[in-house]
C-alpha atoms as a PDB file:
ATOM      1  CA  MET A   1    -119.110  18.600  37.655  1.00  0.00           C
ATOM      2  CA  LYS A   2    -122.422  19.997  36.508  1.00  0.00           C
ATOM      3  CA  LEU A   3    -123.788  18.551  33.318  1.00  0.00           C
ATOM      4  CA  THR A   4    -125.774  20.525  30.771  1.00  0.00           C
ATOM      5  CA  MET A   5    -129.456  19.759  30.279  1.00  0.00           C
ATOM      6  CA  GLU A   6    -128.547  18.077  26.970  1.00  0.00           C
ATOM      7  CA  GLN A   7    -125.933  15.863  28.654  1.00  0.00           C
ATOM      8  CA  VAL A   8    -128.382  14.859  31.380  1.00  0.00           C
ATOM      9  CA  GLN A   9    -131.091  14.141  28.790  1.00  0.00           C
ATOM     10  CA  GLU A  10    -128.757  12.064  26.619  1.00  0.00           C
ATOM     11  CA  LYS A  11    -127.626   9.976  29.605  1.00  0.00           C
ATOM     12  CA  VAL A  12    -131.210   9.453  30.851  1.00  0.00           C
ATOM     13  CA  PHE A  13    -132.403   8.457  27.354  1.00  0.00           C
ATOM     14  CA  SER A  14    -129.493   6.009  27.098  1.00  0.00           C
ATOM     15  CA  LEU A  15    -130.217   4.437  30.501  1.00  0.00           C
ATOM     16  CA  ILE A  16    -133.928   4.088  29.679  1.00  0.00           C
ATOM     17  CA  ALA A  17    -133.254   2.595  26.240  1.00  0.00           C
ATOM     18  CA  ASN A  18    -130.854   0.087  27.781  1.00  0.00           C
ATOM     19  CA  GLN A  19    -133.071  -0.817  30.738  1.00  0.00           C
ATOM     20  CA  PHE A  20    -136.375  -1.013  28.834  1.00  0.00           C
ATOM     21  CA  LYS A  21    -134.809  -2.584  25.703  1.00  0.00           C
ATOM     22  CA  ILE A  22    -136.180   0.045  23.308  1.00  0.00           C
ATOM     23  CA  PRO A  23    -134.529   2.280  20.678  1.00  0.00           C
ATOM     24  CA  MET A  24    -133.543   5.743  21.929  1.00  0.00           C
ATOM     25  CA  GLU A  25    -135.522   7.243  19.016  1.00  0.00           C
ATOM     26  CA  GLN A  26    -138.747   6.088  20.730  1.00  0.00           C
ATOM     27  CA  ILE A  27    -138.012   8.156  23.838  1.00  0.00           C
ATOM     28  CA  THR A  28    -139.068  11.785  24.268  1.00  0.00           C
ATOM     29  CA  ARG A  29    -139.258  14.074  27.290  1.00  0.00           C
ATOM     30  CA  GLU A  30    -143.037  13.601  27.148  1.00  0.00           C
ATOM     31  CA  SER A  31    -142.821   9.783  27.192  1.00  0.00           C
ATOM     32  CA  ARG A  32    -144.577   8.355  30.241  1.00  0.00           C
ATOM     33  CA  LEU A  33    -142.489   5.629  31.858  1.00  0.00           C
ATOM     34  CA  VAL A  34    -145.339   3.179  32.499  1.00  0.00           C
ATOM     35  CA  GLU A  35    -148.006   4.033  29.921  1.00  0.00           C
ATOM     36  CA  ASP A  36    -145.799   4.808  26.899  1.00  0.00           C
ATOM     37  CA  LEU A  37    -142.560   2.927  27.582  1.00  0.00           C
ATOM     38  CA  LYS A  38    -144.257  -0.089  29.217  1.00  0.00           C
ATOM     39  CA  ALA A  39    -142.093  -0.020  32.330  1.00  0.00           C
ATOM     40  CA  ASP A  40    -143.104  -2.161  35.277  1.00  0.00           C
ATOM     41  CA  SER A  41    -142.125  -1.515  38.875  1.00  0.00           C
ATOM     42  CA  ALA A  42    -138.973  -3.644  38.554  1.00  0.00           C
ATOM     43  CA  ASN A  43    -137.866  -1.661  35.463  1.00  0.00           C
ATOM     44  CA  VAL A  44    -138.407   1.589  37.316  1.00  0.00           C
ATOM     45  CA  MET A  45    -136.492   0.442  40.405  1.00  0.00           C
ATOM     46  CA  VAL A  46    -133.488  -0.677  38.327  1.00  0.00           C
ATOM     47  CA  LEU A  47    -133.642   2.583  36.370  1.00  0.00           C
ATOM     48  CA  ILE A  48    -133.605   4.579  39.633  1.00  0.00           C
ATOM     49  CA  MET A  49    -130.558   2.631  40.830  1.00  0.00           C
ATOM     50  CA  ASP A  50    -128.831   3.250  37.475  1.00  0.00           C
ATOM     51  CA  LEU A  51    -129.643   6.966  37.719  1.00  0.00           C
ATOM     52  CA  GLU A  52    -128.294   7.122  41.270  1.00  0.00           C
ATOM     53  CA  ASP A  53    -125.052   5.424  40.190  1.00  0.00           C
ATOM     54  CA  SER A  54    -124.658   7.470  37.005  1.00  0.00           C
ATOM     55  CA  PHE A  55    -125.356  10.842  38.585  1.00  0.00           C
ATOM     56  CA  GLY A  56    -123.966  10.215  42.083  1.00  0.00           C
ATOM     57  CA  MET A  57    -127.195  11.051  43.887  1.00  0.00           C
ATOM     58  CA  MET A  58    -130.006   9.478  45.867  1.00  0.00           C
ATOM     59  CA  VAL A  59    -133.622   9.577  44.737  1.00  0.00           C
ATOM     60  CA  GLU A  60    -135.945  10.014  47.723  1.00  0.00           C
ATOM     61  CA  ASP A  61    -138.651   7.362  48.036  1.00  0.00           C
ATOM     62  CA  GLU A  62    -141.429   9.958  48.033  1.00  0.00           C
ATOM     63  CA  MET A  63    -140.226  11.168  44.608  1.00  0.00           C
ATOM     64  CA  LEU A  64    -140.720   7.788  42.950  1.00  0.00           C
ATOM     65  CA  SER A  65    -144.468   8.278  42.533  1.00  0.00           C
ATOM     66  CA  LYS A  66    -143.944  11.792  41.147  1.00  0.00           C
ATOM     67  CA  LEU A  67    -141.558  10.813  38.353  1.00  0.00           C
ATOM     68  CA  LYS A  68    -144.109   9.976  35.656  1.00  0.00           C
ATOM     69  CA  THR A  69    -142.423  11.140  32.445  1.00  0.00           C
ATOM     70  CA  VAL A  70    -138.900  11.085  31.096  1.00  0.00           C
ATOM     71  CA  GLY A  71    -138.924  14.882  31.396  1.00  0.00           C
ATOM     72  CA  ASP A  72    -139.818  14.605  35.099  1.00  0.00           C
ATOM     73  CA  VAL A  73    -136.754  12.402  35.610  1.00  0.00           C
ATOM     74  CA  ILE A  74    -134.456  14.775  33.687  1.00  0.00           C
ATOM     75  CA  ASP A  75    -135.742  17.868  35.513  1.00  0.00           C
ATOM     76  CA  TYR A  76    -135.404  16.129  38.893  1.00  0.00           C
ATOM     77  CA  ILE A  77    -131.788  15.167  38.197  1.00  0.00           C
ATOM     78  CA  LYS A  78    -130.997  18.669  36.957  1.00  0.00           C
ATOM     79  CA  THR A  79    -132.309  20.225  40.201  1.00  0.00           C
ATOM     80  CA  ARG A  80    -130.246  17.776  42.303  1.00  0.00           C
ATOM     81  CA  GLN A  81    -126.864  18.504  40.704  1.00  0.00           C
END
């Protein structure tokens, strides 16, 4: 089942808020995972695993370095559905 952009965004925001222990209100599409949301490599790896489980997909290793913002993550998931 294809999700709408809003559904994907809501799920990604929720996963990030839960994983990084921050309020969802602090997250925007422009938020940078490392610089703005203070994620470390372990946070990012767990987030990727959560995304893979939640959306039933695999994130290619070469994409990890390209996913810099929350919007990058949302757009990537949307193109993989």
